[in-house]
Amino acid sequence: MRKDQHPERNENHCVWRVVGEEVIILSDHSRKIHVLNEVAAEIWKLCDGTKSLKDIVSVITEEFDVDIETADRDVAEFIENMCRLNLLVLREKANEQRDTQ
């Protein structure tokens, strides 16, 4: 995974909603429900295809007062897990801004 890649929610295979500070995702493929805590929820919301991994790490370090190394590791781990679950895809180029839920 490169920092210039742009993670994007795979909304063809899931539905999701914000509930309080959490995000709840229902996977179309596995029929599993994923509940994301506040930090993971923020990462998920930032994965709209317009922001690079580097951009997302920058937002997380500012929003949650965490050092860049920790944010970099945590964001990469989250995105890798979500890609394995087919809930996120990595794009080489940024997509135009889309409407979000």
C-alpha atoms as a PDB file:
ATOM      1  CA  MET A   1       0.000   0.000   0.000  1.00  0.00           C
ATOM      2  CA  ARG A   2       1.363   3.389  -1.015  1.00  0.00           C
ATOM      3  CA  LYS A   3       0.614   6.710   0.645  1.00  0.00           C
ATOM      4  CA  ASP A   4      -0.469   8.219  -2.666  1.00  0.00           C
ATOM      5  CA  GLN A   5      -3.274   5.669  -3.154  1.00  0.00           C
ATOM      6  CA  HIS A   6      -6.868   6.739  -2.575  1.00  0.00           C
ATOM      7  CA  PRO A   7      -9.065   4.393  -0.520  1.00  0.00           C
ATOM      8  CA  GLU A   8     -12.730   4.377  -1.474  1.00  0.00           C
ATOM      9  CA  ARG A   9     -15.712   2.749   0.186  1.00  0.00           C
ATOM     10  CA  ASN A  10     -17.019  -0.169  -1.878  1.00  0.00           C
ATOM     11  CA  GLU A  11     -20.621   0.930  -1.579  1.00  0.00           C
ATOM     12  CA  ASN A  12     -21.757  -1.646  -4.126  1.00  0.00           C
ATOM     13  CA  HIS A  13     -21.077  -4.290  -1.469  1.00  0.00           C
ATOM     14  CA  CYS A  14     -22.164  -2.621   1.763  1.00  0.00           C
ATOM     15  CA  VAL A  15     -24.493  -0.155   3.401  1.00  0.00           C
ATOM     16  CA  TRP A  16     -23.434   2.010   6.307  1.00  0.00           C
ATOM     17  CA  ARG A  17     -24.803   4.545   8.737  1.00  0.00           C
ATOM     18  CA  VAL A  18     -23.406   6.900  11.340  1.00  0.00           C
ATOM     19  CA  VAL A  19     -24.846   6.216  14.786  1.00  0.00           C
ATOM     20  CA  GLY A  20     -23.547   8.667  17.370  1.00  0.00           C
ATOM     21  CA  GLU A  21     -19.760   8.625  17.081  1.00  0.00           C
ATOM     22  CA  GLU A  22     -19.694   5.123  15.570  1.00  0.00           C
ATOM     23  CA  VAL A  23     -20.256   3.799  12.079  1.00  0.00           C
ATOM     24  CA  ILE A  24     -22.191   0.604  11.457  1.00  0.00           C
ATOM     25  CA  ILE A  25     -21.485  -1.276   8.218  1.00  0.00           C
ATOM     26  CA  LEU A  26     -23.503  -4.170   6.830  1.00  0.00           C
ATOM     27  CA  SER A  27     -21.504  -6.245   4.364  1.00  0.00           C
ATOM     28  CA  ASP A  28     -23.525  -7.423   1.380  1.00  0.00           C
ATOM     29  CA  HIS A  29     -21.109 -10.264   0.719  1.00  0.00           C
ATOM     30  CA  SER A  30     -20.706 -11.793   4.176  1.00  0.00           C
ATOM     31  CA  ARG A  31     -23.923 -10.473   5.752  1.00  0.00           C
ATOM     32  CA  LYS A  32     -21.842  -9.417   8.751  1.00  0.00           C
ATOM     33  CA  ILE A  33     -22.236  -6.230  10.730  1.00  0.00           C
ATOM     34  CA  HIS A  34     -19.119  -4.207  11.540  1.00  0.00           C
ATOM     35  CA  VAL A  35     -19.233  -1.564  14.272  1.00  0.00           C
ATOM     36  CA  LEU A  36     -16.449   1.014  14.046  1.00  0.00           C
ATOM     37  CA  ASN A  37     -15.264   3.066  17.003  1.00  0.00           C
ATOM     38  CA  GLU A  38     -14.802   6.827  16.761  1.00  0.00           C
ATOM     39  CA  VAL A  39     -11.333   6.747  15.163  1.00  0.00           C
ATOM     40  CA  ALA A  40     -12.142   3.942  12.716  1.00  0.00           C
ATOM     41  CA  ALA A  41     -15.414   5.709  11.878  1.00  0.00           C
ATOM     42  CA  GLU A  42     -13.524   8.880  10.989  1.00  0.00           C
ATOM     43  CA  ILE A  43     -11.104   6.937   8.782  1.00  0.00           C
ATOM     44  CA  TRP A  44     -14.078   5.231   7.080  1.00  0.00           C
ATOM     45  CA  LYS A  45     -15.805   8.551   6.404  1.00  0.00           C
ATOM     46  CA  LEU A  46     -12.581   9.941   4.904  1.00  0.00           C
ATOM     47  CA  CYS A  47     -12.336   6.999   2.469  1.00  0.00           C
ATOM     48  CA  ASP A  48     -14.379   8.682  -0.253  1.00  0.00           C
ATOM     49  CA  GLY A  49     -11.858   8.199  -3.062  1.00  0.00           C
ATOM     50  CA  THR A  50     -10.784  11.854  -3.081  1.00  0.00           C
ATOM     51  CA  LYS A  51      -8.203  11.673  -0.294  1.00  0.00           C
ATOM     52  CA  SER A  52      -4.887   9.846  -0.342  1.00  0.00           C
ATOM     53  CA  LEU A  53      -3.656   7.694   2.519  1.00  0.00           C
ATOM     54  CA  LYS A  54      -1.284  10.542   3.363  1.00  0.00           C
ATOM     55  CA  ASP A  55      -4.227  12.986   3.549  1.00  0.00           C
ATOM     56  CA  ILE A  56      -6.177  10.633   5.823  1.00  0.00           C
ATOM     57  CA  VAL A  57      -3.223  10.143   8.177  1.00  0.00           C
ATOM     58  CA  SER A  58      -2.823  13.921   8.383  1.00  0.00           C
ATOM     59  CA  VAL A  59      -6.483  14.397   9.377  1.00  0.00           C
ATOM     60  CA  ILE A  60      -6.287  11.626  11.986  1.00  0.00           C
ATOM     61  CA  THR A  61      -3.152  13.116  13.582  1.00  0.00           C
ATOM     62  CA  GLU A  62      -4.887  16.498  13.869  1.00  0.00           C
ATOM     63  CA  GLU A  63      -8.315  15.271  14.986  1.00  0.00           C
ATOM     64  CA  PHE A  64      -7.146  12.732  17.564  1.00  0.00           C
ATOM     65  CA  ASP A  65      -3.851  14.213  18.793  1.00  0.00           C
ATOM     66  CA  VAL A  66      -1.818  11.141  17.863  1.00  0.00           C
ATOM     67  CA  ASP A  67       1.735  11.008  16.502  1.00  0.00           C
ATOM     68  CA  ILE A  68       2.221  10.427  12.796  1.00  0.00           C
ATOM     69  CA  GLU A  69       3.864   7.008  13.176  1.00  0.00           C
ATOM     70  CA  THR A  70       0.937   5.641  15.187  1.00  0.00           C
ATOM     71  CA  ALA A  71      -1.625   7.192  12.857  1.00  0.00           C
ATOM     72  CA  ASP A  72       0.209   5.868   9.804  1.00  0.00           C
ATOM     73  CA  ARG A  73       0.303   2.340  11.218  1.00  0.00           C
ATOM     74  CA  ASP A  74      -3.321   2.386  12.433  1.00  0.00           C
ATOM     75  CA  VAL A  75      -4.732   3.851   9.216  1.00  0.00           C
ATOM     76  CA  ALA A  76      -2.802   1.343   7.075  1.00  0.00           C
ATOM     77  CA  GLU A  77      -3.955  -1.581   9.236  1.00  0.00           C
ATOM     78  CA  PHE A  78      -7.585  -0.439   9.124  1.00  0.00           C
ATOM     79  CA  ILE A  79      -7.550   0.058   5.349  1.00  0.00           C
ATOM     80  CA  GLU A  80      -5.843  -3.298   4.732  1.00  0.00           C
ATOM     81  CA  ASN A  81      -8.482  -5.048   6.863  1.00  0.00           C
ATOM     82  CA  MET A  82     -11.353  -3.289   5.116  1.00  0.00           C
ATOM     83  CA  CYS A  83      -9.874  -4.124   1.702  1.00  0.00           C
ATOM     84  CA  ARG A  84      -9.620  -7.803   2.688  1.00  0.00           C
ATOM     85  CA  LEU A  85     -13.309  -7.670   3.615  1.00  0.00           C
ATOM     86  CA  ASN A  86     -14.082  -6.059   0.222  1.00  0.00           C
ATOM     87  CA  LEU A  87     -15.478  -2.984   2.000  1.00  0.00           C
ATOM     88  CA  LEU A  88     -12.790  -0.638   0.649  1.00  0.00           C
ATOM     89  CA  VAL A  89     -10.886  -0.509  -2.618  1.00  0.00           C
ATOM     90  CA  LEU A  90      -7.625   1.320  -3.324  1.00  0.00           C
ATOM     91  CA  ARG A  91      -7.542   3.634  -6.336  1.00  0.00           C
ATOM     92  CA  GLU A  92      -4.432   4.967  -8.025  1.00  0.00           C
ATOM     93  CA  LYS A  93      -6.022   8.340  -8.747  1.00  0.00           C
ATOM     94  CA  ALA A  94      -8.442  10.470  -6.797  1.00  0.00           C
ATOM     95  CA  ASN A  95     -12.075  10.327  -7.805  1.00  0.00           C
ATOM     96  CA  GLU A  96     -14.130  13.476  -8.049  1.00  0.00           C
ATOM     97  CA  GLN A  97     -16.011  14.460  -4.900  1.00  0.00           C
ATOM     98  CA  ARG A  98     -19.127  12.352  -4.457  1.00  0.00           C
ATOM     99  CA  ASP A  99     -22.205  12.798  -2.366  1.00  0.00           C
ATOM    100  CA  THR A 100     -21.760  11.062   0.991  1.00  0.00           C
ATOM    101  CA  GLN A 101     -24.353   9.411   3.137  1.00  0.00           C
END
